[in-house]
Amino acid sequence: MVTVRQVKLLVIGLIVLTLLGVLCASLLREAAMAGRTVAADARPSLTPPRPALTPAEEAYAHALWAIHADVKNAAVALTFSGLRYKLRELQLGAFGTGVQAAAKSFGDAEARVRALAPPVSLSPVHDQYLDAVHLFQRSAAEMLKVTEDGRDDHLLVAQPLSQEASEKLLRVGNVIWPGEYLPN
C-alpha cells in the first residue's frame, strides 16, 4: 500500500523535475538568443555611420527643438479637435476654438522658425520644416471653414495636408533628431 509520505515524496519529486525542466529550457533559449546576437553583431554594417552634427548644426537643432515641441502639440490638438468633432464629442464652437488655437500656434512657430539662421548644410531641412508648418496652417484654415458653412467635407480636404506635414516633420526629424519618431 502507498503511504501518505510516499505520495508527498512523489509530488515533491515531480515539482522538482518540472522546475529543472523549466530551468533547462530557459537556459537553452538564452543560449540560442545569445548566439543570434553574436551572429548579428559579427555582420558588418551596410551603411556607414552618420557624421556628428557640427557645432552650428547642433545649435540650430537645439533652437528648432524648442519650436518643434509647440508644433507637435498644435498638430496633435488639431487632429484631436477634428476627431472629437466628428465623434460628436465637441460642439462646433469648441471645435472652432481648438482649431483657432492650433492655427495661432502654427503662426507663432512659423515666425520663430523664420527667425532662425540655419547653417548652409541644414538650409534644405529648414525649408522643409517651414513647408510642414505651412501645410499645417492650410489644414487649420480648411478646418475652420467647417465653422463657417457647417460642411464636414472640409475635414476631408484638411486631412491630407496634415498628413503631408507630419511626413515632412518625420523627414526633418530623421536628419537632425534621429530616433525621435519610431514607426508603429
Protein backbone atom coordinates (compact mmCIF):
# COMPACT_ATOMS: atom_id res chain seq x y z
CA MET A 1 0.00 0.00 0.00
CA VAL A 2 1.13 3.53 -0.79
CA THR A 3 1.59 5.75 2.23
CA VAL A 4 0.95 9.46 2.50
CA ARG A 5 4.66 10.00 2.87
CA GLN A 6 5.36 8.26 -0.43
CA VAL A 7 2.72 10.37 -2.19
CA LYS A 8 4.27 13.55 -0.79
CA LEU A 9 7.74 12.46 -1.94
CA LEU A 10 6.38 11.66 -5.39
CA VAL A 11 4.66 15.07 -5.68
CA ILE A 12 7.77 16.90 -4.45
CA GLY A 13 9.89 14.91 -6.89
CA LEU A 14 7.60 15.83 -9.78
CA ILE A 15 7.70 19.51 -8.79
CA VAL A 16 11.50 19.46 -8.63
CA LEU A 17 11.70 17.71 -12.03
CA THR A 18 9.31 20.27 -13.54
CA LEU A 19 11.35 23.17 -12.17
CA LEU A 20 14.55 21.61 -13.51
CA GLY A 21 12.89 21.18 -16.92
CA VAL A 22 11.82 24.84 -16.99
CA LEU A 23 15.31 25.92 -15.91
CA CYS A 24 16.94 23.83 -18.65
CA ALA A 25 14.53 25.12 -21.30
CA SER A 26 15.18 28.74 -20.30
CA LEU A 27 18.95 28.19 -20.31
CA LEU A 28 18.77 26.65 -23.78
CA ARG A 29 16.63 29.55 -25.01
CA GLU A 30 19.07 32.10 -23.55
CA ALA A 31 22.00 30.34 -25.18
CA ALA A 32 20.22 30.35 -28.53
CA MET A 33 19.37 34.06 -28.22
CA ALA A 34 22.96 34.93 -27.27
CA GLY A 35 24.18 33.02 -30.32
CA ARG A 36 21.89 35.04 -32.58
CA THR A 37 23.04 38.32 -31.04
CA VAL A 38 26.71 37.43 -31.55
CA ALA A 39 26.00 36.43 -35.14
CA ALA A 40 24.11 39.66 -35.79
CA ASP A 41 26.91 41.73 -34.27
CA ALA A 42 29.51 39.93 -36.38
CA ARG A 43 27.93 41.14 -39.64
CA PRO A 44 29.37 44.40 -40.93
CA SER A 45 27.05 47.35 -41.20
CA LEU A 46 25.95 48.11 -44.74
CA THR A 47 25.53 51.81 -44.07
CA PRO A 48 28.34 53.97 -42.81
CA PRO A 49 27.68 55.73 -39.52
CA ARG A 50 26.31 59.22 -39.93
CA PRO A 51 28.69 62.01 -39.15
CA ALA A 52 28.12 64.01 -36.00
CA LEU A 53 26.44 67.38 -36.33
CA THR A 54 28.78 70.35 -36.47
CA PRO A 55 28.53 72.87 -33.62
CA ALA A 56 26.47 75.21 -35.84
CA GLU A 57 24.16 72.35 -36.85
CA GLU A 58 23.81 71.28 -33.24
CA ALA A 59 22.91 74.82 -32.17
CA TYR A 60 20.28 75.02 -34.92
CA ALA A 61 18.86 71.61 -33.96
CA HIS A 62 18.53 72.74 -30.33
CA ALA A 63 16.86 76.00 -31.29
CA LEU A 64 14.43 74.24 -33.62
CA TRP A 65 13.69 71.60 -30.96
CA ALA A 66 12.05 74.19 -28.70
CA ILE A 67 9.81 75.29 -31.58
CA HIS A 68 9.19 71.71 -32.64
CA ALA A 69 7.63 70.85 -29.29
CA ASP A 70 4.99 73.55 -29.85
CA VAL A 71 4.39 72.42 -33.45
CA LYS A 72 3.88 68.82 -32.35
CA ASN A 73 1.45 69.87 -29.62
CA ALA A 74 -0.51 72.05 -32.04
CA ALA A 75 -0.60 69.23 -34.62
CA VAL A 76 -1.97 66.82 -32.03
CA ALA A 77 -4.54 69.40 -30.88
CA LEU A 78 -5.59 70.00 -34.50
CA THR A 79 -6.01 66.29 -35.17
CA PHE A 80 -7.92 65.61 -31.98
CA SER A 81 -10.17 68.62 -32.49
CA GLY A 82 -11.23 67.15 -35.83
CA LEU A 83 -11.66 63.67 -34.43
CA ARG A 84 -13.63 64.79 -31.40
CA TYR A 85 -15.86 66.96 -33.60
CA LYS A 86 -16.58 64.04 -35.94
CA LEU A 87 -17.28 61.78 -32.95
CA ARG A 88 -19.67 64.45 -31.71
CA GLU A 89 -17.66 64.96 -28.53
CA LEU A 90 -17.18 68.65 -29.38
CA GLN A 91 -19.74 71.23 -30.36
CA LEU A 92 -18.98 73.43 -33.36
CA GLY A 93 -17.89 76.38 -31.18
CA ALA A 94 -15.42 74.33 -29.13
CA PHE A 95 -14.13 72.74 -32.33
CA GLY A 96 -13.51 76.20 -33.82
CA THR A 97 -11.78 77.40 -30.67
CA GLY A 98 -9.43 74.39 -30.69
CA VAL A 99 -8.59 74.78 -34.36
CA GLN A 100 -8.01 78.53 -33.96
CA ALA A 101 -5.63 77.89 -31.06
CA ALA A 102 -3.68 75.39 -33.16
CA ALA A 103 -3.61 77.83 -36.09
CA LYS A 104 -2.21 80.54 -33.82
CA SER A 105 0.49 78.14 -32.58
CA PHE A 106 1.44 77.36 -36.17
CA GLY A 107 1.63 81.08 -36.99
CA ASP A 108 3.84 81.71 -33.96
CA ALA A 109 6.01 78.74 -34.88
CA GLU A 110 6.43 80.00 -38.44
CA ALA A 111 7.69 83.36 -37.16
CA ARG A 112 10.09 81.65 -34.76
CA VAL A 113 11.43 79.28 -37.45
CA ARG A 114 11.91 82.17 -39.88
CA ALA A 115 13.94 83.98 -37.19
CA LEU A 116 16.44 81.11 -37.08
CA ALA A 117 19.56 81.24 -39.19
CA PRO A 118 20.27 77.66 -40.27
CA PRO A 119 23.74 76.64 -41.34
CA VAL A 120 24.01 76.17 -45.09
CA SER A 121 24.10 72.38 -44.66
CA LEU A 122 20.66 72.45 -42.97
CA SER A 123 19.05 75.02 -45.24
CA PRO A 124 17.02 72.34 -47.08
CA VAL A 125 15.87 70.96 -43.72
CA HIS A 126 14.88 74.44 -42.62
CA ASP A 127 12.85 74.96 -45.81
CA GLN A 128 11.21 71.57 -45.38
CA TYR A 129 10.25 72.42 -41.81
CA LEU A 130 8.69 75.70 -42.95
CA ASP A 131 6.79 73.79 -45.65
CA ALA A 132 5.42 71.47 -42.97
CA VAL A 133 4.28 74.40 -40.84
CA HIS A 134 2.60 75.98 -43.88
CA LEU A 135 0.78 72.75 -44.62
CA PHE A 136 -0.48 72.63 -41.04
CA GLN A 137 -1.63 76.24 -41.40
CA ARG A 138 -3.51 75.42 -44.60
CA SER A 139 -5.05 72.39 -42.91
CA ALA A 140 -6.24 74.51 -39.97
CA ALA A 141 -7.65 77.15 -42.32
CA GLU A 142 -9.55 74.47 -44.20
CA MET A 143 -10.89 73.00 -40.96
CA LEU A 144 -12.10 76.42 -39.85
CA LYS A 145 -14.33 76.55 -42.93
CA VAL A 146 -16.50 73.96 -41.16
CA THR A 147 -17.41 76.66 -38.63
CA GLU A 148 -18.41 78.99 -41.49
CA ASP A 149 -20.61 76.73 -43.59
CA GLY A 150 -21.11 73.61 -41.43
CA ARG A 151 -19.86 71.25 -44.15
CA ASP A 152 -17.72 68.42 -42.82
CA ASP A 153 -16.14 67.77 -46.21
CA HIS A 154 -13.59 70.46 -45.32
CA LEU A 155 -12.16 67.94 -42.86
CA LEU A 156 -11.54 65.55 -45.76
CA VAL A 157 -9.62 68.27 -47.58
CA ALA A 158 -7.64 69.21 -44.47
CA GLN A 159 -6.56 65.69 -43.51
CA PRO A 160 -4.11 65.06 -46.40
CA LEU A 161 -2.49 68.42 -45.72
CA SER A 162 -1.85 67.46 -42.11
CA GLN A 163 -0.65 64.03 -43.20
CA GLU A 164 1.87 65.53 -45.63
CA ALA A 165 3.03 68.00 -42.97
CA SER A 166 3.57 65.17 -40.49
CA GLU A 167 5.59 63.22 -43.04
CA LYS A 168 7.78 66.26 -43.68
CA LEU A 169 8.37 66.59 -39.94
CA LEU A 170 9.41 62.93 -39.86
CA ARG A 171 11.96 63.54 -42.60
CA VAL A 172 13.33 66.59 -40.81
CA GLY A 173 13.49 64.63 -37.57
CA ASN A 174 15.42 61.82 -39.24
CA VAL A 175 18.09 64.33 -40.23
CA ILE A 176 18.55 66.35 -37.05
CA TRP A 177 16.88 64.26 -34.31
CA PRO A 178 17.35 60.65 -35.43
CA GLY A 179 15.30 58.18 -33.45
CA GLU A 180 12.79 60.75 -32.20
CA TYR A 181 9.96 59.15 -34.16
CA LEU A 182 9.79 55.41 -34.38
CA PRO A 183 7.31 53.92 -36.83
CA ASN A 184 4.49 51.83 -35.39
